[in-house]
Amino acid sequence: MQPQPTDPVDAIIEQWAHVRPDLDTRAMEVFGRIFRLSRAMGDRMERAYKPYGISRGEFDVLATLRRSGEPYTLSPRELSATLMLTTGGMTGRLDKLERAGLLRRSPDPHDRRGLRVTLTEEGLRLIDEAVGAGLAQESAALSALDPEEAGRLAGLLRKLLDATAEQPS
């Protein structure tokens, strides 16, 4: 069996072991790599979406509408809740996407005070292309693992995510 290659997190762990050998740094090893992986993949995804004229945040809005199924319509409140955004943060994204012709806002026929956000035909076309570009980046990164390893990692991350999810008070 070949020794595992080292990475920047290993160097950090080694430094802590030298100055604080009493620390159990297993959590640092895991979360340090998760944070670095998140940043690296976030940068890759930004580059994947740039040719489509959208950011990761704007992709998330369009993808949420697309995943909702026909007629690809949600309220701003539903979008905010799904994306864990404030209404102010959502408004900025919706403004930009509406100006680009990728979605439209219209009055909610069931609530005079409410709005509905709907993908346009152009928005639907763009998100279908952009999701493929983003998935290609993720798949390329995941190809470092065999299918069994990828499945095991997904399960372990699900378990860890569940264990760290905030419980309602």
Protein backbone atom coordinates (compact mmCIF):
# COMPACT_ATOMS: atom_id res chain seq x y z
CA MET A 1 0.00 0.00 0.00
CA GLN A 2 1.36 3.40 -1.03
CA PRO A 3 1.70 6.16 1.55
CA GLN A 4 -0.94 8.89 1.25
CA PRO A 5 0.28 12.14 -0.30
CA THR A 6 0.52 15.04 2.11
CA ASP A 7 -1.37 18.30 1.78
CA PRO A 8 -1.35 21.73 3.48
CA VAL A 9 -3.61 20.44 6.25
CA ASP A 10 -0.99 17.82 7.15
CA ALA A 11 1.56 20.60 7.59
CA ILE A 12 -0.81 22.47 9.93
CA ILE A 13 -1.47 19.32 11.95
CA GLU A 14 2.26 18.67 12.19
CA GLN A 15 2.87 22.20 13.47
CA TRP A 16 0.20 21.79 16.16
CA ALA A 17 1.66 18.43 17.16
CA HIS A 18 5.01 20.13 17.65
CA VAL A 19 3.75 23.03 19.78
CA ARG A 20 0.72 21.36 21.42
CA PRO A 21 1.15 17.58 21.41
CA ASP A 22 -1.72 17.33 23.89
CA LEU A 23 -4.32 18.33 21.28
CA ASP A 24 -6.45 15.79 19.42
CA THR A 25 -6.48 17.36 15.95
CA ARG A 26 -8.67 14.82 14.12
CA ALA A 27 -11.51 17.33 13.82
CA MET A 28 -9.10 19.91 12.43
CA GLU A 29 -7.92 17.39 9.82
CA VAL A 30 -11.49 16.75 8.64
CA PHE A 31 -12.88 20.28 8.75
CA GLY A 32 -9.69 21.89 7.45
CA ARG A 33 -10.02 19.74 4.34
CA ILE A 34 -13.77 20.36 4.04
CA PHE A 35 -13.21 24.13 4.21
CA ARG A 36 -10.40 24.01 1.63
CA LEU A 37 -12.42 21.73 -0.63
CA SER A 38 -15.42 24.04 -0.37
CA ARG A 39 -13.35 27.05 -1.35
CA ALA A 40 -11.63 25.26 -4.24
CA MET A 41 -14.90 23.91 -5.61
CA GLY A 42 -16.63 27.24 -5.11
CA ASP A 43 -13.96 28.87 -7.28
CA ARG A 44 -14.34 26.15 -9.92
CA MET A 45 -18.10 26.59 -9.96
CA GLU A 46 -17.79 30.37 -10.37
CA ARG A 47 -15.58 29.78 -13.40
CA ALA A 48 -18.05 27.21 -14.79
CA TYR A 49 -20.98 29.64 -14.54
CA LYS A 50 -19.13 32.75 -15.74
CA PRO A 51 -19.66 32.01 -19.47
CA TYR A 52 -23.40 32.05 -18.75
CA GLY A 53 -23.19 35.49 -17.15
CA ILE A 54 -24.24 34.26 -13.71
CA SER A 55 -22.63 33.81 -10.31
CA ARG A 56 -23.02 30.82 -8.00
CA GLY A 57 -25.69 32.66 -6.05
CA GLU A 58 -27.66 33.46 -9.18
CA PHE A 59 -27.23 29.87 -10.34
CA ASP A 60 -28.78 28.75 -7.05
CA VAL A 61 -31.89 30.87 -7.65
CA LEU A 62 -32.34 29.61 -11.22
CA ALA A 63 -31.63 26.00 -10.22
CA THR A 64 -34.15 26.18 -7.37
CA LEU A 65 -36.84 27.39 -9.76
CA ARG A 66 -35.88 24.68 -12.28
CA ARG A 67 -35.99 21.92 -9.64
CA SER A 68 -39.44 23.05 -8.53
CA GLY A 69 -40.86 21.62 -11.77
CA GLU A 70 -43.30 23.17 -14.17
CA PRO A 71 -44.39 25.95 -14.17
CA TYR A 72 -40.99 26.79 -12.54
CA THR A 73 -42.60 29.27 -10.17
CA LEU A 74 -42.04 30.00 -6.47
CA SER A 75 -42.63 32.91 -4.15
CA PRO A 76 -39.66 35.04 -3.08
CA ARG A 77 -40.26 33.72 0.46
CA GLU A 78 -40.03 30.09 -0.73
CA LEU A 79 -36.82 30.90 -2.60
CA SER A 80 -35.34 32.67 0.45
CA ALA A 81 -36.17 29.75 2.72
CA THR A 82 -34.72 27.16 0.34
CA LEU A 83 -31.52 29.15 -0.22
CA MET A 84 -31.21 30.33 3.41
CA LEU A 85 -31.06 33.97 2.28
CA THR A 86 -32.52 37.11 3.75
CA THR A 87 -35.25 38.75 1.73
CA GLY A 88 -32.86 41.64 1.03
CA GLY A 89 -30.23 39.29 -0.37
CA MET A 90 -32.86 37.57 -2.46
CA THR A 91 -34.18 40.85 -3.87
CA GLY A 92 -30.76 41.79 -5.25
CA ARG A 93 -30.39 38.46 -7.01
CA LEU A 94 -33.92 38.59 -8.39
CA ASP A 95 -33.39 42.14 -9.68
CA LYS A 96 -30.28 41.14 -11.61
CA LEU A 97 -31.82 37.96 -13.02
CA GLU A 98 -34.99 39.80 -14.04
CA ARG A 99 -32.96 42.53 -15.82
CA ALA A 100 -31.13 39.75 -17.69
CA GLY A 101 -34.47 38.30 -18.82
CA LEU A 102 -33.91 34.99 -17.00
CA LEU A 103 -36.94 35.26 -14.71
CA ARG A 104 -39.99 37.42 -14.23
CA ARG A 105 -41.90 38.54 -11.18
CA SER A 106 -45.66 38.78 -11.28
CA PRO A 107 -48.46 39.31 -8.77
CA ASP A 108 -49.55 36.20 -6.88
CA PRO A 109 -53.13 35.47 -8.03
CA HIS A 110 -53.93 33.99 -4.59
CA ASP A 111 -52.38 36.74 -2.44
CA ARG A 112 -52.75 40.42 -3.37
CA ARG A 113 -49.62 41.28 -1.38
CA GLY A 114 -47.51 38.44 -2.76
CA LEU A 115 -45.35 37.87 -5.80
CA ARG A 116 -44.48 34.82 -7.87
CA VAL A 117 -41.06 34.34 -9.49
CA THR A 118 -41.02 32.33 -12.72
CA LEU A 119 -38.23 31.18 -15.02
CA THR A 120 -38.45 32.59 -18.53
CA GLU A 121 -37.76 30.43 -21.58
CA GLU A 122 -34.27 31.98 -21.71
CA GLY A 123 -33.76 31.26 -18.01
CA LEU A 124 -34.80 27.65 -18.52
CA ARG A 125 -32.40 27.24 -21.44
CA LEU A 126 -29.55 28.87 -19.55
CA ILE A 127 -29.98 26.88 -16.33
CA ASP A 128 -30.16 23.60 -18.24
CA GLU A 129 -26.81 24.41 -19.85
CA ALA A 130 -25.20 25.83 -16.71
CA VAL A 131 -26.17 22.86 -14.52
CA GLY A 132 -24.37 20.58 -16.98
CA ALA A 133 -21.25 22.75 -16.87
CA GLY A 134 -21.23 22.80 -13.07
CA LEU A 135 -21.87 19.08 -12.77
CA ALA A 136 -18.98 18.42 -15.15
CA GLN A 137 -16.67 20.31 -12.76
CA GLU A 138 -17.94 18.38 -9.75
CA SER A 139 -17.68 15.06 -11.56
CA ALA A 140 -14.14 15.82 -12.66
CA ALA A 141 -13.12 16.50 -9.06
CA LEU A 142 -14.95 13.42 -7.80
CA SER A 143 -13.17 11.22 -10.34
CA ALA A 144 -10.26 11.09 -7.86
CA LEU A 145 -12.41 8.53 -5.99
CA ASP A 146 -13.79 5.24 -7.24
CA PRO A 147 -17.60 4.86 -7.14
CA GLU A 148 -17.51 2.94 -3.84
CA GLU A 149 -15.33 5.60 -2.19
CA ALA A 150 -17.59 8.37 -3.52
CA GLY A 151 -20.67 6.63 -2.13
CA ARG A 152 -19.00 6.04 1.22
CA LEU A 153 -17.88 9.69 1.39
CA ALA A 154 -21.39 10.92 0.54
CA GLY A 155 -22.82 8.79 3.34
CA LEU A 156 -20.23 9.96 5.86
CA LEU A 157 -20.78 13.61 4.94
CA ARG A 158 -24.56 13.13 5.23
CA LYS A 159 -24.05 11.70 8.72
CA LEU A 160 -21.74 14.55 9.72
CA LEU A 161 -24.08 17.17 8.27
CA ASP A 162 -27.00 15.69 10.17
CA ALA A 163 -24.98 15.67 13.41
CA THR A 164 -24.05 19.34 13.01
CA ALA A 165 -27.42 20.65 11.82
CA GLU A 166 -28.89 23.26 14.11
CA GLN A 167 -31.82 21.93 16.05
CA PRO A 168 -34.88 24.20 16.44
CA SER A 169 -35.11 25.75 19.89
